[in-house]
C-alpha atoms as a PDB file:
ATOM      1  CA  MET A   1      -0.212  -0.091  -0.098  1.00  0.00           C
ATOM      2  CA  GLU A   2       1.038   3.650  -0.673  1.00  0.00           C
ATOM      3  CA  SER A   3       1.927   5.733   1.645  1.00  0.00           C
ATOM      4  CA  GLN A   4      -0.427   9.231   1.828  1.00  0.00           C
ATOM      5  CA  ARG A   5      -0.293  12.372   0.847  1.00  0.00           C
ATOM      6  CA  THR A   6       2.563  14.759   2.915  1.00  0.00           C
ATOM      7  CA  ASN A   7       1.573  17.627   4.924  1.00  0.00           C
ATOM      8  CA  GLN A   8       3.751  19.482   1.362  1.00  0.00           C
ATOM      9  CA  GLN A   9       1.562  17.950  -0.411  1.00  0.00           C
ATOM     10  CA  SER A  10      -1.582  18.950   1.230  1.00  0.00           C
ATOM     11  CA  ARG A  11      -0.506  22.689   1.116  1.00  0.00           C
ATOM     12  CA  ALA A  12       0.271  22.274  -2.696  1.00  0.00           C
ATOM     13  CA  LEU A  13      -3.615  20.962  -3.233  1.00  0.00           C
ATOM     14  CA  HIS A  14      -5.324  23.920  -1.459  1.00  0.00           C
ATOM     15  CA  LEU A  15      -2.786  26.365  -2.833  1.00  0.00           C
ATOM     16  CA  LEU A  16      -3.752  25.194  -5.826  1.00  0.00           C
ATOM     17  CA  PHE A  17      -7.464  25.321  -4.832  1.00  0.00           C
ATOM     18  CA  ASN A  18      -7.097  28.727  -3.890  1.00  0.00           C
ATOM     19  CA  GLN A  19      -4.785  30.264  -6.172  1.00  0.00           C
ATOM     20  CA  VAL A  20      -7.457  28.964  -9.280  1.00  0.00           C
ATOM     21  CA  SER A  21     -10.202  29.595  -7.476  1.00  0.00           C
ATOM     22  CA  ALA A  22      -8.846  33.160  -6.547  1.00  0.00           C
ATOM     23  CA  HIS A  23      -8.009  33.460 -10.822  1.00  0.00           C
ATOM     24  CA  CYS A  24     -11.577  32.663 -11.633  1.00  0.00           C
ATOM     25  CA  VAL A  25     -12.976  35.412  -9.556  1.00  0.00           C
ATOM     26  CA  GLN A  26     -11.214  37.409 -11.209  1.00  0.00           C
ATOM     27  CA  ALA A  27     -11.801  36.595 -14.347  1.00  0.00           C
ATOM     28  CA  GLY A  28     -15.541  36.358 -13.815  1.00  0.00           C
ATOM     29  CA  ILE A  29     -15.397  32.307 -14.461  1.00  0.00           C
ATOM     30  CA  ASP A  30     -18.312  30.969 -12.314  1.00  0.00           C
ATOM     31  CA  GLN A  31     -18.789  28.056 -10.501  1.00  0.00           C
ATOM     32  CA  LYS A  32     -21.397  27.351 -13.035  1.00  0.00           C
ATOM     33  CA  THR A  33     -19.584  27.140 -15.865  1.00  0.00           C
ATOM     34  CA  ILE A  34     -16.779  25.344 -14.479  1.00  0.00           C
ATOM     35  CA  VAL A  35     -19.374  22.471 -14.038  1.00  0.00           C
ATOM     36  CA  ASP A  36     -20.536  22.473 -18.285  1.00  0.00           C
ATOM     37  CA  ALA A  37     -17.100  22.142 -18.971  1.00  0.00           C
ATOM     38  CA  LEU A  38     -17.085  19.197 -17.277  1.00  0.00           C
ATOM     39  CA  GLU A  39     -19.845  17.701 -19.820  1.00  0.00           C
ATOM     40  CA  GLY A  40     -17.434  16.008 -21.955  1.00  0.00           C
ATOM     41  CA  TYR A  41     -15.433  13.946 -19.304  1.00  0.00           C
ATOM     42  CA  SER A  42     -16.617  11.133 -17.407  1.00  0.00           C
ATOM     43  CA  VAL A  43     -16.654  12.270 -14.007  1.00  0.00           C
ATOM     44  CA  PRO A  44     -18.756   9.498 -11.108  1.00  0.00           C
ATOM     45  CA  THR A  45     -20.764  10.250  -9.085  1.00  0.00           C
ATOM     46  CA  THR A  46     -19.551   9.765  -5.406  1.00  0.00           C
ATOM     47  CA  PRO A  47     -21.367  10.537  -2.157  1.00  0.00           C
ATOM     48  CA  GLN A  48     -18.007  12.798  -1.307  1.00  0.00           C
ATOM     49  CA  ALA A  49     -19.134  14.259  -5.088  1.00  0.00           C
ATOM     50  CA  ILE A  50     -22.582  14.798  -3.552  1.00  0.00           C
ATOM     51  CA  LYS A  51     -21.257  16.508  -0.466  1.00  0.00           C
ATOM     52  CA  GLU A  52     -19.349  18.717  -1.292  1.00  0.00           C
ATOM     53  CA  ILE A  53     -22.657  20.154  -3.884  1.00  0.00           C
ATOM     54  CA  TRP A  54     -24.515  20.422  -0.006  1.00  0.00           C
ATOM     55  CA  ARG A  55     -21.619  22.324   1.213  1.00  0.00           C
ATOM     56  CA  THR A  56     -21.119  24.917  -1.942  1.00  0.00           C
ATOM     57  CA  ILE A  57     -24.807  25.545  -1.724  1.00  0.00           C
ATOM     58  CA  GLN A  58     -24.695  24.810   1.806  1.00  0.00           C
ATOM     59  CA  ILE A  59     -22.148  28.493   2.325  1.00  0.00           C
ATOM     60  CA  SER A  60     -24.382  29.558  -0.475  1.00  0.00           C
ATOM     61  CA  VAL A  61     -26.932  30.001   1.901  1.00  0.00           C
ATOM     62  CA  THR A  62     -25.783  30.688   5.798  1.00  0.00           C
ATOM     63  CA  GLY A  63     -21.947  31.622   4.962  1.00  0.00           C
ATOM     64  CA  LYS A  64     -21.352  28.156   7.452  1.00  0.00           C
ATOM     65  CA  GLU A  65     -18.536  25.632   5.550  1.00  0.00           C
ATOM     66  CA  SER A  66     -19.274  22.392   8.488  1.00  0.00           C
ATOM     67  CA  THR A  67     -22.421  21.115   8.775  1.00  0.00           C
ATOM     68  CA  LYS A  68     -21.270  21.145  12.544  1.00  0.00           C
ATOM     69  CA  ASP A  69     -22.319  24.845  12.688  1.00  0.00           C
ATOM     70  CA  LEU A  70     -25.299  24.180  11.424  1.00  0.00           C
ATOM     71  CA  GLU A  71     -28.545  25.571  13.617  1.00  0.00           C
ATOM     72  CA  ARG A  72     -31.694  23.296  12.359  1.00  0.00           C
ATOM     73  CA  LYS A  73     -33.743  25.875  10.785  1.00  0.00           C
ATOM     74  CA  GLU A  74     -30.217  26.253   8.122  1.00  0.00           C
ATOM     75  CA  MET A  75     -29.803  22.812   8.020  1.00  0.00           C
ATOM     76  CA  ASP A  76     -34.264  22.942   6.391  1.00  0.00           C
ATOM     77  CA  GLN A  77     -32.408  25.448   4.358  1.00  0.00           C
ATOM     78  CA  VAL A  78     -29.496  24.257   3.199  1.00  0.00           C
ATOM     79  CA  TYR A  79     -32.167  21.115   2.337  1.00  0.00           C
ATOM     80  CA  ASP A  80     -34.712  22.794   0.855  1.00  0.00           C
ATOM     81  CA  VAL A  81     -32.573  24.160  -1.830  1.00  0.00           C
ATOM     82  CA  PHE A  82     -29.631  21.511  -2.049  1.00  0.00           C
ATOM     83  CA  ASN A  83     -33.268  19.094  -2.997  1.00  0.00           C
ATOM     84  CA  LYS A  84     -34.896  21.324  -5.243  1.00  0.00           C
ATOM     85  CA  PHE A  85     -31.273  21.337  -7.009  1.00  0.00           C
ATOM     86  CA  ILE A  86     -31.147  17.178  -7.086  1.00  0.00           C
ATOM     87  CA  SER A  87     -34.477  16.966  -7.956  1.00  0.00           C
ATOM     88  CA  GLU A  88     -33.849  19.313 -10.986  1.00  0.00           C
ATOM     89  CA  VAL A  89     -31.034  16.865 -12.548  1.00  0.00           C
ATOM     90  CA  THR A  90     -32.140  13.301 -11.201  1.00  0.00           C
ATOM     91  CA  HIS A  91     -35.977  14.375 -11.577  1.00  0.00           C
ATOM     92  CA  GLU A  92     -35.648  11.962  -8.780  1.00  0.00           C
ATOM     93  CA  TYR A  93     -37.155  14.099  -5.786  1.00  0.00           C
ATOM     94  CA  PHE A  94     -35.107  13.002  -2.114  1.00  0.00           C
ATOM     95  CA  SER A  95     -36.906  13.032   1.045  1.00  0.00           C
ATOM     96  CA  PHE A  96     -34.483  14.111   4.378  1.00  0.00           C
ATOM     97  CA  PRO A  97     -34.197  10.760   5.821  1.00  0.00           C
ATOM     98  CA  SER A  98     -36.172   9.698   8.483  1.00  0.00           C
ATOM     99  CA  PHE A  99     -35.209   8.613  12.536  1.00  0.00           C
ATOM    100  CA  GLU A 100     -36.630   4.997  11.020  1.00  0.00           C
ATOM    101  CA  SER A 101     -34.676   5.067   7.646  1.00  0.00           C
ATOM    102  CA  LEU A 102     -31.657   5.780   9.781  1.00  0.00           C
ATOM    103  CA  MET A 103     -32.353   2.269  11.866  1.00  0.00           C
ATOM    104  CA  LEU A 104     -33.174   0.668   9.350  1.00  0.00           C
ATOM    105  CA  ALA A 105     -30.601   1.524   7.152  1.00  0.00           C
ATOM    106  CA  GLN A 106     -28.073   0.481   9.819  1.00  0.00           C
ATOM    107  CA  LEU A 107     -29.431  -2.494  10.499  1.00  0.00           C
ATOM    108  CA  ASP A 108     -28.871  -3.317   7.411  1.00  0.00           C
ATOM    109  CA  ASN A 109     -25.474  -3.114   6.436  1.00  0.00           C
ATOM    110  CA  GLU A 110     -24.998  -4.992  10.403  1.00  0.00           C
ATOM    111  CA  LYS A 111     -27.074  -7.775   8.237  1.00  0.00           C
ATOM    112  CA  LEU A 112     -23.983  -7.488   5.074  1.00  0.00           C
ATOM    113  CA  GLN A 113     -21.074  -7.554   8.167  1.00  0.00           C
END
C-alpha cells in the first residue's frame, strides 16, 4: 500500500485550489461555467461529490462551511435548495431521511457484515 500524501503535498493542493479559485473570481468565471465544462468528461457521482454539492449550497445559503455549525432551521434551508437542485438534475425527489430510515440502514449494514 502506498503512503499517504505528505503535509507539503496537502498544503500545495490547498494552495492550488486557492490559486485557481482566485483566478476564476478575477476572470469572472463562475462555478456553473466550470461544471458545464465538465460535460465532456466522465466523472463518477460519488457520495463525496454529492457532499461537495451540499457544501457549496450550504456556504451560499448560510455562509457556514461545516455542517456541524448549522442550526436546525439552516439545515432545512440548505436541504430545500439542495433537494430542488438535485431533483431538477435527477428528476427524482429525495426526502430527508427519517429516524426510522436511518435505523433500517444501520440494520442492513449490520446484516452485510
